[in-house]
Amino acid sequence: MKLNDIILGDCLDVLANIRSESIDLVVTDPPYKLTQGGCKSQAINGHFKTSEKIATDGAKNGKIFKHNEIDFKDWMPEIYRVLKNQTHFYCMCNAKNLQSVLNAGTNAKFIIQTVLVWSKGMHTPSQYYLPNIEFVVLFRKGNAKYINEMGSKALIEINGIRNKKHPSEKPIELFSLFVRNSSNKADVVLDPFCGSGTVCLAALKDDRHYIGYDIEPSYVELANQRIQNHLNQLNIFENKQLTP
């Protein structure tokens, strides 16, 4: 598998081409149904509205992607296979899917290290308690592996993104924390559902290699453009530094 590349493809097809025990860290925000399922008029994050500006049928049922059908149990065993021993796997989810993530991870032979809580400084509409958090399950493969920044807290307070280019786009600071804590420079970080490419961008900025892929062509294009924009900015900075 080529390093530092964002690939168009189905996660199961691409995972099958990755050599066993060749990946140092997996960080991903997979597709899943959102708590906002059942909404009548408000589309999720302003996306998936009809011409009448109401939520599509998919959004009403908590589905915001064309390919929401893949189940955690379908791909987590492959994540276990490609990860090296004594490594970490971060999987984001919401309250509705937390139990499924925990079950699928343990069935794939992962050990639950902890469950982190991301407080995102914003909330979505609800008839119950307003959801202003998301969960991040930290799994490990094999023996215990300490994180690099051992003062890190389980409650992570980082503001979310309001003007998103991707429906579930996350702040780079969040994924950068996971990358720094659970990998070292020159390690390989994998995101099988890369979306807008934030995990890959975090890996690049923190001097790690990355592999990312997504099944949606528009998101692959967006992710590659973000990577290229960052590289262009680096070149501009380096050229300025060289100017006498």
C-alpha atoms as a PDB file:
ATOM      1  CA  MET A   1       0.000   0.000   0.000  1.00  0.00           C
ATOM      2  CA  LYS A   2       1.380   3.392  -0.998  1.00  0.00           C
ATOM      3  CA  LEU A   3       2.092   5.721   1.917  1.00  0.00           C
ATOM      4  CA  ASN A   4       0.911   9.329   2.119  1.00  0.00           C
ATOM      5  CA  ASP A   5      -1.977   8.793  -0.219  1.00  0.00           C
ATOM      6  CA  ILE A   6      -5.754   9.212  -0.002  1.00  0.00           C
ATOM      7  CA  ILE A   7      -7.473   6.565  -2.081  1.00  0.00           C
ATOM      8  CA  LEU A   8     -10.935   6.196  -3.560  1.00  0.00           C
ATOM      9  CA  GLY A   9     -12.393   2.831  -2.645  1.00  0.00           C
ATOM     10  CA  ASP A  10     -14.491   0.678  -0.377  1.00  0.00           C
ATOM     11  CA  CYS A  11     -12.819   0.200   2.998  1.00  0.00           C
ATOM     12  CA  LEU A  12     -13.046  -3.618   2.897  1.00  0.00           C
ATOM     13  CA  ASP A  13     -11.484  -3.796  -0.564  1.00  0.00           C
ATOM     14  CA  VAL A  14      -8.631  -1.478   0.355  1.00  0.00           C
ATOM     15  CA  LEU A  15      -8.014  -3.056   3.773  1.00  0.00           C
ATOM     16  CA  ALA A  16      -7.573  -6.410   2.066  1.00  0.00           C
ATOM     17  CA  ASN A  17      -4.540  -4.964   0.233  1.00  0.00           C
ATOM     18  CA  ILE A  18      -2.757  -3.858   3.414  1.00  0.00           C
ATOM     19  CA  ARG A  19      -0.150  -6.223   4.800  1.00  0.00           C
ATOM     20  CA  SER A  20      -0.875  -7.761   8.203  1.00  0.00           C
ATOM     21  CA  GLU A  21       0.725  -5.997  11.194  1.00  0.00           C
ATOM     22  CA  SER A  22       2.038  -3.087   9.120  1.00  0.00           C
ATOM     23  CA  ILE A  23       0.101  -0.163  10.655  1.00  0.00           C
ATOM     24  CA  ASP A  24       1.150   1.744  13.791  1.00  0.00           C
ATOM     25  CA  LEU A  25      -2.126   3.523  14.592  1.00  0.00           C
ATOM     26  CA  VAL A  26      -5.732   3.693  13.393  1.00  0.00           C
ATOM     27  CA  VAL A  27      -7.870   6.773  14.028  1.00  0.00           C
ATOM     28  CA  THR A  28     -11.261   6.945  12.368  1.00  0.00           C
ATOM     29  CA  ASP A  29     -14.721   8.466  12.490  1.00  0.00           C
ATOM     30  CA  PRO A  30     -16.787   5.800  10.705  1.00  0.00           C
ATOM     31  CA  PRO A  31     -20.256   6.256   9.195  1.00  0.00           C
ATOM     32  CA  TYR A  32     -23.085   5.516  11.594  1.00  0.00           C
ATOM     33  CA  LYS A  33     -26.611   6.649  12.290  1.00  0.00           C
ATOM     34  CA  LEU A  34     -26.836   9.934  14.124  1.00  0.00           C
ATOM     35  CA  THR A  35     -28.841  10.697  17.246  1.00  0.00           C
ATOM     36  CA  GLN A  36     -30.780  13.294  15.277  1.00  0.00           C
ATOM     37  CA  GLY A  37     -32.724  10.559  13.474  1.00  0.00           C
ATOM     38  CA  GLY A  38     -36.434  11.323  13.398  1.00  0.00           C
ATOM     39  CA  CYS A  39     -36.023  15.044  12.754  1.00  0.00           C
ATOM     40  CA  LYS A  40     -38.887  16.617  10.816  1.00  0.00           C
ATOM     41  CA  SER A  41     -37.424  19.666   9.162  1.00  0.00           C
ATOM     42  CA  GLN A  42     -33.820  20.296  10.208  1.00  0.00           C
ATOM     43  CA  ALA A  43     -31.183  18.554   8.131  1.00  0.00           C
ATOM     44  CA  ILE A  44     -28.041  17.477   9.914  1.00  0.00           C
ATOM     45  CA  ASN A  45     -25.402  20.209   9.954  1.00  0.00           C
ATOM     46  CA  GLY A  46     -27.302  21.967   7.161  1.00  0.00           C
ATOM     47  CA  HIS A  47     -26.646  19.072   4.768  1.00  0.00           C
ATOM     48  CA  PHE A  48     -29.089  16.817   2.914  1.00  0.00           C
ATOM     49  CA  LYS A  49     -31.982  19.214   2.507  1.00  0.00           C
ATOM     50  CA  THR A  50     -34.557  18.869  -0.231  1.00  0.00           C
ATOM     51  CA  SER A  51     -35.490  21.716  -2.545  1.00  0.00           C
ATOM     52  CA  GLU A  52     -38.170  22.597   0.016  1.00  0.00           C
ATOM     53  CA  LYS A  53     -35.392  22.986   2.605  1.00  0.00           C
ATOM     54  CA  ILE A  54     -36.491  20.078   4.760  1.00  0.00           C
ATOM     55  CA  ALA A  55     -34.470  17.028   5.736  1.00  0.00           C
ATOM     56  CA  THR A  56     -34.229  14.158   3.269  1.00  0.00           C
ATOM     57  CA  ASP A  57     -35.716  10.806   4.253  1.00  0.00           C
ATOM     58  CA  GLY A  58     -32.218   9.548   4.981  1.00  0.00           C
ATOM     59  CA  ALA A  59     -31.484  12.422   7.339  1.00  0.00           C
ATOM     60  CA  LYS A  60     -34.805  11.883   9.099  1.00  0.00           C
ATOM     61  CA  ASN A  61     -33.687   8.338   9.886  1.00  0.00           C
ATOM     62  CA  GLY A  62     -30.266   9.393  11.093  1.00  0.00           C
ATOM     63  CA  LYS A  63     -28.531   8.502   7.820  1.00  0.00           C
ATOM     64  CA  ILE A  64     -26.475  11.217   6.165  1.00  0.00           C
ATOM     65  CA  PHE A  65     -24.253   9.200   3.819  1.00  0.00           C
ATOM     66  CA  LYS A  66     -25.123   6.994   0.878  1.00  0.00           C
ATOM     67  CA  HIS A  67     -23.049   4.183   2.365  1.00  0.00           C
ATOM     68  CA  ASN A  68     -24.180   4.083   5.995  1.00  0.00           C
ATOM     69  CA  GLU A  69     -25.029   0.379   5.772  1.00  0.00           C
ATOM     70  CA  ILE A  70     -21.576  -0.975   6.670  1.00  0.00           C
ATOM     71  CA  ASP A  71     -21.525  -2.382  10.179  1.00  0.00           C
ATOM     72  CA  PHE A  72     -18.725  -2.037  12.733  1.00  0.00           C
ATOM     73  CA  LYS A  73     -18.349  -5.821  12.852  1.00  0.00           C
ATOM     74  CA  ASP A  74     -17.735  -5.910   9.086  1.00  0.00           C
ATOM     75  CA  TRP A  75     -14.460  -3.997   9.161  1.00  0.00           C
ATOM     76  CA  MET A  76     -13.034  -4.065  12.711  1.00  0.00           C
ATOM     77  CA  PRO A  77     -11.479  -7.565  12.335  1.00  0.00           C
ATOM     78  CA  GLU A  78      -9.492  -6.224   9.384  1.00  0.00           C
ATOM     79  CA  ILE A  79      -8.303  -3.281  11.490  1.00  0.00           C
ATOM     80  CA  TYR A  80      -7.078  -5.778  14.073  1.00  0.00           C
ATOM     81  CA  ARG A  81      -5.240  -7.724  11.374  1.00  0.00           C
ATOM     82  CA  VAL A  82      -3.364  -4.775   9.859  1.00  0.00           C
ATOM     83  CA  LEU A  83      -2.338  -3.191  13.178  1.00  0.00           C
ATOM     84  CA  LYS A  84       0.985  -4.092  14.721  1.00  0.00           C
ATOM     85  CA  ASN A  85       1.023  -5.662  18.170  1.00  0.00           C
ATOM     86  CA  GLN A  86       0.851  -3.255  21.129  1.00  0.00           C
ATOM     87  CA  THR A  87      -0.821  -0.448  19.210  1.00  0.00           C
ATOM     88  CA  HIS A  88      -3.933   1.729  19.544  1.00  0.00           C
ATOM     89  CA  PHE A  89      -7.179   2.105  17.615  1.00  0.00           C
ATOM     90  CA  TYR A  90      -9.422   5.166  18.172  1.00  0.00           C
ATOM     91  CA  CYS A  91     -13.030   4.882  17.003  1.00  0.00           C
ATOM     92  CA  MET A  92     -15.464   7.781  17.292  1.00  0.00           C
ATOM     93  CA  CYS A  93     -19.160   7.193  17.914  1.00  0.00           C
ATOM     94  CA  ASN A  94     -22.248   8.624  19.560  1.00  0.00           C
ATOM     95  CA  ALA A  95     -24.400   7.336  22.424  1.00  0.00           C
ATOM     96  CA  LYS A  96     -26.675   5.389  20.087  1.00  0.00           C
ATOM     97  CA  ASN A  97     -23.773   3.389  18.657  1.00  0.00           C
ATOM     98  CA  LEU A  98     -21.459   3.106  21.657  1.00  0.00           C
ATOM     99  CA  GLN A  99     -22.549  -0.404  22.641  1.00  0.00           C
ATOM    100  CA  SER A 100     -22.197  -1.658  19.066  1.00  0.00           C
ATOM    101  CA  VAL A 101     -18.678  -0.251  18.831  1.00  0.00           C
ATOM    102  CA  LEU A 102     -17.646  -1.830  22.132  1.00  0.00           C
ATOM    103  CA  ASN A 103     -19.098  -5.217  21.153  1.00  0.00           C
ATOM    104  CA  ALA A 104     -17.605  -5.214  17.666  1.00  0.00           C
ATOM    105  CA  GLY A 105     -14.187  -4.212  19.006  1.00  0.00           C
ATOM    106  CA  THR A 106     -14.027  -6.901  21.665  1.00  0.00           C
ATOM    107  CA  ASN A 107     -15.359  -9.520  19.236  1.00  0.00           C
ATOM    108  CA  ALA A 108     -12.487  -8.558  16.920  1.00  0.00           C
ATOM    109  CA  LYS A 109     -10.087  -9.349  19.835  1.00  0.00           C
ATOM    110  CA  PHE A 110      -9.335  -5.746  20.769  1.00  0.00           C
ATOM    111  CA  ILE A 111      -9.045  -4.789  24.428  1.00  0.00           C
ATOM    112  CA  ILE A 112     -10.981  -1.723  25.590  1.00  0.00           C
ATOM    113  CA  GLN A 113      -8.426   0.665  27.035  1.00  0.00           C
ATOM    114  CA  THR A 114     -10.828   3.483  27.870  1.00  0.00           C
ATOM    115  CA  VAL A 115     -13.704   5.566  26.553  1.00  0.00           C
ATOM    116  CA  LEU A 116     -12.918   9.226  25.988  1.00  0.00           C
ATOM    117  CA  VAL A 117     -15.497  12.003  25.883  1.00  0.00           C
ATOM    118  CA  TRP A 118     -15.185  14.883  23.440  1.00  0.00           C
ATOM    119  CA  SER A 119     -16.980  18.024  24.654  1.00  0.00           C
ATOM    120  CA  LYS A 120     -17.416  19.980  21.431  1.00  0.00           C
ATOM    121  CA  GLY A 121     -18.768  23.296  22.707  1.00  0.00           C
ATOM    122  CA  MET A 122     -21.962  23.068  20.662  1.00  0.00           C
ATOM    123  CA  HIS A 123     -25.068  20.931  20.587  1.00  0.00           C
ATOM    124  CA  THR A 124     -27.625  19.513  18.201  1.00  0.00           C
ATOM    125  CA  PRO A 125     -31.405  19.769  18.653  1.00  0.00           C
ATOM    126  CA  SER A 126     -33.072  17.041  20.697  1.00  0.00           C
ATOM    127  CA  GLN A 127     -36.283  16.402  22.600  1.00  0.00           C
ATOM    128  CA  TYR A 128     -34.177  15.025  25.456  1.00  0.00           C
ATOM    129  CA  TYR A 129     -30.785  16.124  26.807  1.00  0.00           C
ATOM    130  CA  LEU A 130     -29.046  18.243  24.194  1.00  0.00           C
ATOM    131  CA  PRO A 131     -26.148  16.200  22.795  1.00  0.00           C
ATOM    132  CA  ASN A 132     -22.986  18.276  23.108  1.00  0.00           C
ATOM    133  CA  ILE A 133     -20.543  15.371  23.389  1.00  0.00           C
ATOM    134  CA  GLU A 134     -19.265  12.461  21.337  1.00  0.00           C
ATOM    135  CA  PHE A 135     -17.463   9.335  22.455  1.00  0.00           C
ATOM    136  CA  VAL A 136     -14.082   8.030  21.362  1.00  0.00           C
ATOM    137  CA  VAL A 137     -13.370   4.394  22.201  1.00  0.00           C
ATOM    138  CA  LEU A 138      -9.676   3.712  22.636  1.00  0.00           C
ATOM    139  CA  PHE A 139      -8.921   0.067  21.885  1.00  0.00           C
ATOM    140  CA  ARG A 140      -5.562  -1.613  22.094  1.00  0.00           C
ATOM    141  CA  LYS A 141      -4.135  -4.652  20.340  1.00  0.00           C
ATOM    142  CA  GLY A 142      -2.009  -6.840  22.570  1.00  0.00           C
ATOM    143  CA  ASN A 143      -0.164  -5.661  25.646  1.00  0.00           C
ATOM    144  CA  ALA A 144      -0.685  -2.248  27.225  1.00  0.00           C
ATOM    145  CA  LYS A 145       0.825   0.754  25.455  1.00  0.00           C
ATOM    146  CA  TYR A 146       1.250   4.025  27.336  1.00  0.00           C
ATOM    147  CA  ILE A 147       0.268   7.268  25.631  1.00  0.00           C
ATOM    148  CA  ASN A 148       3.014   9.806  24.987  1.00  0.00           C
ATOM    149  CA  GLU A 149       1.366  12.745  26.779  1.00  0.00           C
ATOM    150  CA  MET A 150       0.438  11.052  30.046  1.00  0.00           C
ATOM    151  CA  GLY A 151      -1.253  14.160  31.482  1.00  0.00           C
ATOM    152  CA  SER A 152      -3.999  14.011  28.842  1.00  0.00           C
ATOM    153  CA  LYS A 153      -7.534  13.981  30.249  1.00  0.00           C
ATOM    154  CA  ALA A 154     -10.404  11.659  29.324  1.00  0.00           C
ATOM    155  CA  LEU A 155     -12.693  14.673  28.908  1.00  0.00           C
ATOM    156  CA  ILE A 156     -11.415  16.517  25.854  1.00  0.00           C
ATOM    157  CA  GLU A 157     -12.664  20.083  25.481  1.00  0.00           C
ATOM    158  CA  ILE A 158     -12.063  21.262  21.918  1.00  0.00           C
ATOM    159  CA  ASN A 159     -14.600  23.344  20.013  1.00  0.00           C
ATOM    160  CA  GLY A 160     -16.214  21.679  17.040  1.00  0.00           C
ATOM    161  CA  ILE A 161     -16.462  23.098  13.521  1.00  0.00           C
ATOM    162  CA  ARG A 162     -19.534  25.142  12.585  1.00  0.00           C
ATOM    163  CA  ASN A 163     -18.997  25.819   8.886  1.00  0.00           C
ATOM    164  CA  LYS A 164     -18.267  22.326   7.674  1.00  0.00           C
ATOM    165  CA  LYS A 165     -17.247  21.145   4.235  1.00  0.00           C
ATOM    166  CA  HIS A 166     -18.053  17.582   5.306  1.00  0.00           C
ATOM    167  CA  PRO A 167     -21.121  16.619   7.394  1.00  0.00           C
ATOM    168  CA  SER A 168     -19.072  15.019  10.167  1.00  0.00           C
ATOM    169  CA  GLU A 169     -15.891  17.083   9.887  1.00  0.00           C
ATOM    170  CA  LYS A 170     -13.888  17.212  13.124  1.00  0.00           C
ATOM    171  CA  PRO A 171     -11.295  19.757  14.307  1.00  0.00           C
ATOM    172  CA  ILE A 172      -7.729  18.841  13.459  1.00  0.00           C
ATOM    173  CA  GLU A 173      -6.705  19.526  17.088  1.00  0.00           C
ATOM    174  CA  LEU A 174      -8.780  16.545  18.210  1.00  0.00           C
ATOM    175  CA  PHE A 175      -7.208  14.029  15.870  1.00  0.00           C
ATOM    176  CA  SER A 176      -3.755  15.516  16.347  1.00  0.00           C
ATOM    177  CA  LEU A 177      -4.036  14.728  20.066  1.00  0.00           C
ATOM    178  CA  PHE A 178      -4.655  11.052  19.281  1.00  0.00           C
ATOM    179  CA  VAL A 179      -1.879  10.943  16.678  1.00  0.00           C
ATOM    180  CA  ARG A 180       0.679  12.482  19.044  1.00  0.00           C
ATOM    181  CA  ASN A 181      -0.341  10.316  21.979  1.00  0.00           C
ATOM    182  CA  SER A 182      -0.384   6.944  20.267  1.00  0.00           C
ATOM    183  CA  SER A 183       2.309   7.088  17.606  1.00  0.00           C
ATOM    184  CA  ASN A 184       5.814   8.362  16.991  1.00  0.00           C
ATOM    185  CA  LYS A 185       7.396  10.304  14.164  1.00  0.00           C
ATOM    186  CA  ALA A 186       7.603   8.339  10.897  1.00  0.00           C
ATOM    187  CA  ASP A 187       4.921   5.882  12.068  1.00  0.00           C
ATOM    188  CA  VAL A 188       2.065   4.955   9.724  1.00  0.00           C
ATOM    189  CA  VAL A 189      -1.422   6.229  10.627  1.00  0.00           C
ATOM    190  CA  LEU A 190      -4.463   4.728   8.905  1.00  0.00           C
ATOM    191  CA  ASP A 191      -7.970   6.148   8.517  1.00  0.00           C
ATOM    192  CA  PRO A 192     -10.298   3.802   6.572  1.00  0.00           C
ATOM    193  CA  PHE A 193     -13.130   6.389   6.505  1.00  0.00           C
ATOM    194  CA  CYS A 194     -11.119   9.533   5.900  1.00  0.00           C
ATOM    195  CA  GLY A 195     -13.929  11.879   4.808  1.00  0.00           C
ATOM    196  CA  SER A 196     -12.399  15.344   4.516  1.00  0.00           C
ATOM    197  CA  GLY A 197      -8.946  13.975   5.390  1.00  0.00           C
ATOM    198  CA  THR A 198      -8.507  15.489   8.863  1.00  0.00           C
ATOM    199  CA  VAL A 199      -6.761  12.440  10.361  1.00  0.00           C
ATOM    200  CA  CYS A 200      -4.369  12.305   7.413  1.00  0.00           C
ATOM    201  CA  LEU A 201      -3.682  16.030   7.692  1.00  0.00           C
ATOM    202  CA  ALA A 202      -3.016  15.689  11.415  1.00  0.00           C
ATOM    203  CA  ALA A 203      -0.576  12.845  10.723  1.00  0.00           C
ATOM    204  CA  LEU A 204       1.210  14.901   8.075  1.00  0.00           C
ATOM    205  CA  LYS A 205       1.514  17.933  10.350  1.00  0.00           C
ATOM    206  CA  ASP A 206       2.882  15.748  13.154  1.00  0.00           C
ATOM    207  CA  ASP A 207       5.521  14.129  10.923  1.00  0.00           C
ATOM    208  CA  ARG A 208       3.815  10.766  10.528  1.00  0.00           C
ATOM    209  CA  HIS A 209       2.994   8.853   7.368  1.00  0.00           C
ATOM    210  CA  TYR A 210      -0.658   8.344   6.521  1.00  0.00           C
ATOM    211  CA  ILE A 211      -2.968   6.121   4.515  1.00  0.00           C
ATOM    212  CA  GLY A 212      -6.551   7.244   4.002  1.00  0.00           C
ATOM    213  CA  TYR A 213      -9.435   6.181   1.840  1.00  0.00           C
ATOM    214  CA  ASP A 214     -13.094   6.912   1.329  1.00  0.00           C
ATOM    215  CA  ILE A 215     -15.843   5.555  -0.898  1.00  0.00           C
ATOM    216  CA  GLU A 216     -17.166   9.005  -1.918  1.00  0.00           C
ATOM    217  CA  PRO A 217     -15.241  10.634  -4.818  1.00  0.00           C
ATOM    218  CA  SER A 218     -16.134  14.183  -3.716  1.00  0.00           C
ATOM    219  CA  TYR A 219     -14.679  13.609  -0.239  1.00  0.00           C
ATOM    220  CA  VAL A 220     -11.488  12.062  -1.635  1.00  0.00           C
ATOM    221  CA  GLU A 221     -11.086  15.138  -3.821  1.00  0.00           C
ATOM    222  CA  LEU A 222     -11.707  17.418  -0.832  1.00  0.00           C
ATOM    223  CA  ALA A 223      -9.215  15.529   1.348  1.00  0.00           C
ATOM    224  CA  ASN A 224      -6.498  15.584  -1.298  1.00  0.00           C
ATOM    225  CA  GLN A 225      -7.062  19.308  -1.835  1.00  0.00           C
ATOM    226  CA  ARG A 226      -6.635  19.998   1.884  1.00  0.00           C
ATOM    227  CA  ILE A 227      -3.391  18.029   1.908  1.00  0.00           C
ATOM    228  CA  GLN A 228      -2.137  19.878  -1.161  1.00  0.00           C
ATOM    229  CA  ASN A 229      -3.062  23.255   0.336  1.00  0.00           C
ATOM    230  CA  HIS A 230      -1.029  22.425   3.434  1.00  0.00           C
ATOM    231  CA  LEU A 231       1.980  21.358   1.329  1.00  0.00           C
ATOM    232  CA  ASN A 232       1.707  24.554  -0.723  1.00  0.00           C
ATOM    233  CA  GLN A 233       1.718  26.633   2.456  1.00  0.00           C
ATOM    234  CA  LEU A 234       4.815  24.794   3.652  1.00  0.00           C
ATOM    235  CA  ASN A 235       6.587  25.537   0.373  1.00  0.00           C
ATOM    236  CA  ILE A 236       5.673  29.232   0.615  1.00  0.00           C
ATOM    237  CA  PHE A 237       6.994  29.356   4.194  1.00  0.00           C
ATOM    238  CA  GLU A 238      10.217  27.556   3.291  1.00  0.00           C
ATOM    239  CA  ASN A 239      10.817  29.859   0.317  1.00  0.00           C
ATOM    240  CA  LYS A 240      10.337  32.898   2.549  1.00  0.00           C
ATOM    241  CA  GLN A 241      12.844  31.482   5.019  1.00  0.00           C
ATOM    242  CA  LEU A 242      15.402  31.087   2.231  1.00  0.00           C
ATOM    243  CA  THR A 243      14.933  34.642   0.955  1.00  0.00           C
ATOM    244  CA  PRO A 244      17.807  36.859   2.204  1.00  0.00           C
END
